[in-house]
Protein backbone atom coordinates (compact mmCIF):
# COMPACT_ATOMS: atom_id res chain seq x y z
CA MET A 1 0.05 -0.05 0.02
CA TYR A 2 1.14 3.56 -0.76
CA THR A 3 0.55 6.39 1.82
CA LEU A 4 1.68 9.85 0.67
CA ASN A 5 1.62 12.57 3.37
CA GLY A 6 2.13 16.17 2.50
CA VAL A 7 4.29 15.58 -0.60
CA THR A 8 5.66 18.65 -2.16
CA LYS A 9 8.05 18.97 -5.09
CA ASN A 10 9.71 22.21 -5.91
CA TYR A 11 11.98 22.89 -8.93
CA ALA A 12 14.15 25.99 -9.67
CA ARG A 13 13.52 27.70 -13.05
CA GLY A 14 15.99 30.58 -13.16
CA LYS A 15 15.20 32.76 -10.24
CA GLU A 16 11.81 31.37 -9.82
CA THR A 17 10.66 28.40 -7.83
CA VAL A 18 8.05 26.08 -9.53
CA GLU A 19 5.67 24.15 -7.17
CA ALA A 20 5.03 20.92 -9.14
CA LEU A 21 3.29 19.17 -6.16
CA ARG A 22 1.72 21.01 -3.26
CA GLY A 23 1.03 18.98 -0.25
CA ILE A 24 -0.37 15.76 -1.82
CA ASP A 25 -2.10 13.28 0.62
CA LEU A 26 -3.08 10.14 -1.14
CA VAL A 27 -3.63 6.34 -0.14
CA ILE A 28 -3.32 3.62 -2.83
CA GLU A 29 -4.48 0.17 -1.57
CA ASP A 30 -2.87 -3.02 -2.68
CA GLY A 31 -4.39 -4.24 -5.85
CA ASP A 32 -5.97 -0.74 -6.73
CA GLN A 33 -6.06 0.54 -10.34
CA LEU A 34 -5.71 4.42 -10.29
CA VAL A 35 -5.58 6.66 -13.33
CA ILE A 36 -3.80 9.95 -12.69
CA LYS A 37 -5.03 12.66 -15.23
CA GLY A 38 -4.64 16.25 -15.49
CA PRO A 39 -3.48 19.02 -17.87
CA THR A 40 0.15 19.22 -19.13
CA GLY A 41 2.49 20.64 -16.52
CA GLY A 42 -0.10 19.79 -13.63
CA GLY A 43 2.31 17.42 -12.03
CA LYS A 44 1.10 14.18 -13.26
CA SER A 45 4.62 12.68 -14.27
CA THR A 46 6.19 14.13 -11.26
CA LEU A 47 3.71 12.25 -9.03
CA LEU A 48 4.42 9.12 -10.84
CA GLN A 49 8.10 9.58 -10.40
CA MET A 50 7.74 9.94 -6.60
CA LEU A 51 5.74 6.71 -6.62
CA GLY A 52 8.35 4.84 -8.50
CA GLY A 53 11.10 6.25 -6.49
CA LEU A 54 12.65 7.81 -9.48
CA ASP A 55 12.74 11.20 -7.63
CA ARG A 56 12.55 12.61 -3.95
CA PRO A 57 9.93 14.94 -2.70
CA THR A 58 11.11 18.44 -1.47
CA SER A 59 9.13 17.64 1.75
CA GLY A 60 6.58 15.02 2.98
CA SER A 61 6.78 11.06 2.86
CA VAL A 62 6.04 8.59 0.13
CA GLU A 63 5.64 5.23 1.91
CA LEU A 64 5.41 1.92 0.10
CA ASP A 65 4.47 -0.81 2.64
CA GLY A 66 5.44 1.28 5.47
CA VAL A 67 8.87 2.07 3.92
CA ASP A 68 9.46 5.88 3.34
CA LEU A 69 11.09 5.82 -0.20
CA ALA A 70 12.13 9.49 0.21
CA ARG A 71 14.50 8.49 3.17
CA LEU A 72 16.12 5.42 1.59
CA SER A 73 19.80 5.42 0.50
CA GLU A 74 20.17 5.24 -3.26
CA ALA A 75 21.33 1.61 -2.95
CA LYS A 76 18.32 0.51 -1.14
CA LEU A 77 15.94 2.64 -3.26
CA THR A 78 17.41 0.70 -6.37
CA LYS A 79 16.71 -2.39 -4.77
CA VAL A 80 13.20 -1.69 -3.97
CA ARG A 81 12.63 -0.62 -7.58
CA SER A 82 14.33 -3.60 -9.06
CA GLN A 83 12.22 -5.90 -6.93
CA ASN A 84 8.85 -4.41 -6.52
CA ILE A 85 8.12 -1.71 -9.00
CA GLY A 86 7.61 -2.20 -12.80
CA ILE A 87 7.64 0.69 -14.98
CA ILE A 88 6.22 1.24 -18.54
CA PHE A 89 7.07 4.52 -20.49
CA GLN A 90 5.27 5.95 -23.39
CA SER A 91 8.44 5.76 -25.50
CA PHE A 92 8.97 1.95 -24.87
CA ASN A 93 12.55 2.54 -23.67
CA LEU A 94 13.79 -0.57 -25.32
CA ILE A 95 17.38 -1.03 -26.25
CA PRO A 96 17.38 -1.15 -29.95
CA THR A 97 20.54 -3.36 -30.42
CA LEU A 98 18.96 -6.12 -28.12
CA THR A 99 16.17 -8.58 -29.26
CA ALA A 100 12.83 -8.71 -27.51
CA GLN A 101 14.00 -11.67 -25.53
CA GLU A 102 17.15 -9.86 -24.35
CA ASN A 103 15.35 -6.58 -23.53
CA VAL A 104 13.09 -8.51 -21.21
CA GLU A 105 15.93 -10.27 -19.69
CA THR A 106 17.49 -6.88 -18.60
CA ALA A 107 15.09 -6.55 -15.88
CA LEU A 108 16.36 -9.73 -14.13
CA VAL A 109 19.98 -8.94 -14.25
CA PRO A 110 19.89 -6.76 -11.14
CA LEU A 111 18.17 -9.50 -9.21
CA GLY A 112 21.07 -11.79 -9.84
CA THR A 113 18.92 -14.28 -11.72
CA LYS A 114 20.93 -17.09 -13.54
CA VAL A 115 21.11 -16.98 -17.14
CA ALA A 116 19.19 -20.08 -17.81
CA ASP A 117 16.30 -18.85 -15.55
CA ARG A 118 16.40 -15.54 -17.05
CA ARG A 119 15.90 -17.00 -20.44
CA GLN A 120 13.15 -19.17 -19.36
CA GLN A 121 11.30 -16.40 -17.52
CA ALA A 122 11.71 -13.85 -20.24
CA ALA A 123 10.28 -16.40 -22.90
CA GLU A 124 7.29 -17.07 -20.52
CA ALA A 125 6.75 -13.22 -20.07
CA LEU A 126 6.90 -12.57 -23.79
CA ALA A 127 4.31 -15.43 -24.33
CA SER A 128 1.98 -14.03 -21.61
CA VAL A 129 1.75 -10.76 -23.87
CA GLY A 130 1.38 -12.79 -26.98
CA LEU A 131 4.83 -12.39 -28.32
CA GLY A 132 6.20 -15.69 -27.91
CA ASP A 133 7.12 -16.10 -31.65
CA ARG A 134 8.95 -12.57 -31.75
CA ALA A 135 11.49 -13.18 -29.08
CA ASN A 136 14.38 -13.02 -31.51
CA HIS A 137 13.26 -9.84 -33.21
CA LEU A 138 14.87 -6.48 -32.83
CA PRO A 139 12.72 -3.36 -31.68
CA SER A 140 13.00 -1.95 -35.26
CA GLU A 141 11.32 -5.31 -36.63
CA LEU A 142 8.37 -4.76 -34.24
CA SER A 143 5.39 -2.47 -34.57
CA GLY A 144 4.58 0.10 -31.95
CA GLY A 145 2.12 -2.09 -30.27
CA GLN A 146 4.46 -4.90 -30.22
CA GLN A 147 7.20 -2.83 -28.75
CA GLN A 148 4.92 -1.73 -26.01
CA ARG A 149 4.00 -5.49 -25.41
CA VAL A 150 7.72 -6.16 -24.90
CA ALA A 151 8.03 -3.35 -22.57
CA ILE A 152 5.20 -4.77 -20.50
CA ALA A 153 6.75 -8.06 -20.52
CA ARG A 154 9.98 -6.39 -19.21
CA ALA A 155 8.08 -4.50 -16.54
CA LEU A 156 6.44 -7.73 -15.31
CA VAL A 157 8.94 -10.58 -15.52
CA LYS A 158 10.40 -9.72 -12.16
CA LYS A 159 6.91 -10.27 -10.63
CA PRO A 160 6.66 -6.78 -9.21
CA LYS A 161 3.68 -5.83 -6.76
CA VAL A 162 3.41 -2.22 -8.35
CA LEU A 163 2.95 -1.43 -12.06
CA LEU A 164 3.56 2.14 -13.13
CA ALA A 165 2.53 3.39 -16.52
CA ASP A 166 3.41 6.85 -17.74
CA GLU A 167 1.14 7.48 -21.10
CA PRO A 168 1.57 3.86 -22.13
CA THR A 169 -0.58 4.26 -25.11
CA GLY A 170 0.44 7.92 -26.13
CA ASN A 171 2.40 6.57 -29.22
CA LEU A 172 -0.23 4.32 -30.33
CA ASP A 173 -3.31 4.40 -32.68
CA GLU A 174 -6.79 4.14 -31.17
CA GLY A 175 -7.06 0.42 -32.07
CA THR A 176 -3.74 -0.55 -30.75
CA ARG A 177 -4.43 1.52 -27.53
CA ASP A 178 -7.53 -0.57 -26.93
CA ASP A 179 -5.49 -3.86 -27.40
CA ILE A 180 -2.93 -2.63 -25.01
CA MET A 181 -5.38 -1.52 -22.39
CA ALA A 182 -7.29 -4.81 -22.51
CA LEU A 183 -4.08 -6.69 -22.16
CA LEU A 184 -3.00 -4.36 -19.19
CA ASP A 185 -6.31 -4.92 -17.51
CA GLN A 186 -6.18 -8.59 -17.87
CA LEU A 187 -2.44 -8.68 -16.50
CA TRP A 188 -3.66 -6.34 -13.29
CA LYS A 189 -6.30 -8.90 -12.51
CA GLU A 190 -4.32 -12.01 -13.11
CA HIS A 191 -1.27 -10.86 -11.04
CA GLY A 192 -3.20 -8.84 -8.39
CA LEU A 193 -1.04 -5.69 -9.08
CA THR A 194 -1.21 -2.34 -7.86
CA PHE A 195 -1.73 -0.46 -11.12
CA ILE A 196 -1.15 3.27 -11.50
CA ILE A 197 -1.45 4.93 -14.98
CA VAL A 198 -0.76 8.53 -16.05
CA THR A 199 -2.63 9.36 -19.15
CA HIS A 200 -4.11 12.38 -21.23
CA ASP A 201 -6.66 9.92 -22.73
CA SER A 202 -10.25 10.54 -21.54
CA VAL A 203 -11.13 7.18 -22.77
CA ILE A 204 -8.65 5.44 -20.48
CA ALA A 205 -9.59 7.66 -17.61
CA ASN A 206 -13.53 7.16 -17.85
CA ARG A 207 -13.37 3.59 -17.55
CA ALA A 208 -10.91 3.32 -14.58
CA PRO A 209 -12.35 2.61 -11.18
CA ARG A 210 -10.32 5.31 -9.50
CA VAL A 211 -9.20 8.53 -10.86
CA ALA A 212 -6.66 11.15 -9.33
CA THR A 213 -7.14 14.39 -11.10
CA ILE A 214 -4.03 16.69 -10.50
CA LYS A 215 -4.28 20.31 -11.27
CA GLN A 216 -1.63 22.95 -10.26
CA GLY A 217 0.06 20.42 -8.04
CA ARG A 218 -3.10 19.45 -6.16
CA VAL A 219 -5.06 16.11 -6.07
CA THR A 220 -8.70 15.19 -6.02
CA VAL A 221 -9.63 11.55 -6.08
CA THR A 222 -12.96 10.26 -7.69
CA ASP A 223 -13.70 6.63 -6.65
CA ARG A 224 -16.23 5.17 -9.21
CA ALA A 225 -16.30 1.76 -7.68
CA ALA A 226 -17.90 3.25 -4.53
CA ALA A 227 -20.34 5.37 -6.49
């Protein structure tokens, strides 16, 4: 479970201070699916970076299972990310010189997984996203939707408890977007993940059970499941 208390994030822009997050209080239960939406520059990606331990707040706490990510050393924070948090990016972030199989295996290297086990687990992860027959293809040989499926497999192969997605369908057409979101919904349910998505897409936001709208660094949460 995530518990955020009084989270602020300030950036220096020349002589000015930009308040990206302004006292965020938020609880995200295990197994929740939460969409974070809002205008460009409103703080969506900044909030996701806090949840992923990719950045630290200026003040406040970001607790995951009672551990404040903001107070961990870099080594311990890296370990938490490697073991517990899978992240999917809009631009896929695949290594162009590695095959789909090898890209997925990279997520297991920090965990010290043996080579044979890495290969087997990566193959199983690719099969789970419908790309078992594309394991030896380079990213340039795959469509955008296929590349995002590889990225999903990479995020999930280490069996994290949290899946974070930053505009995961932003570079995809509508049909492919729907396919990817259907896959993510399926995997969320199958794996019991805590699934948090940043998106500009109102179609994705409108079908989410919980929506956190962030505007000028402040959050309002709508819980449709309870409505």
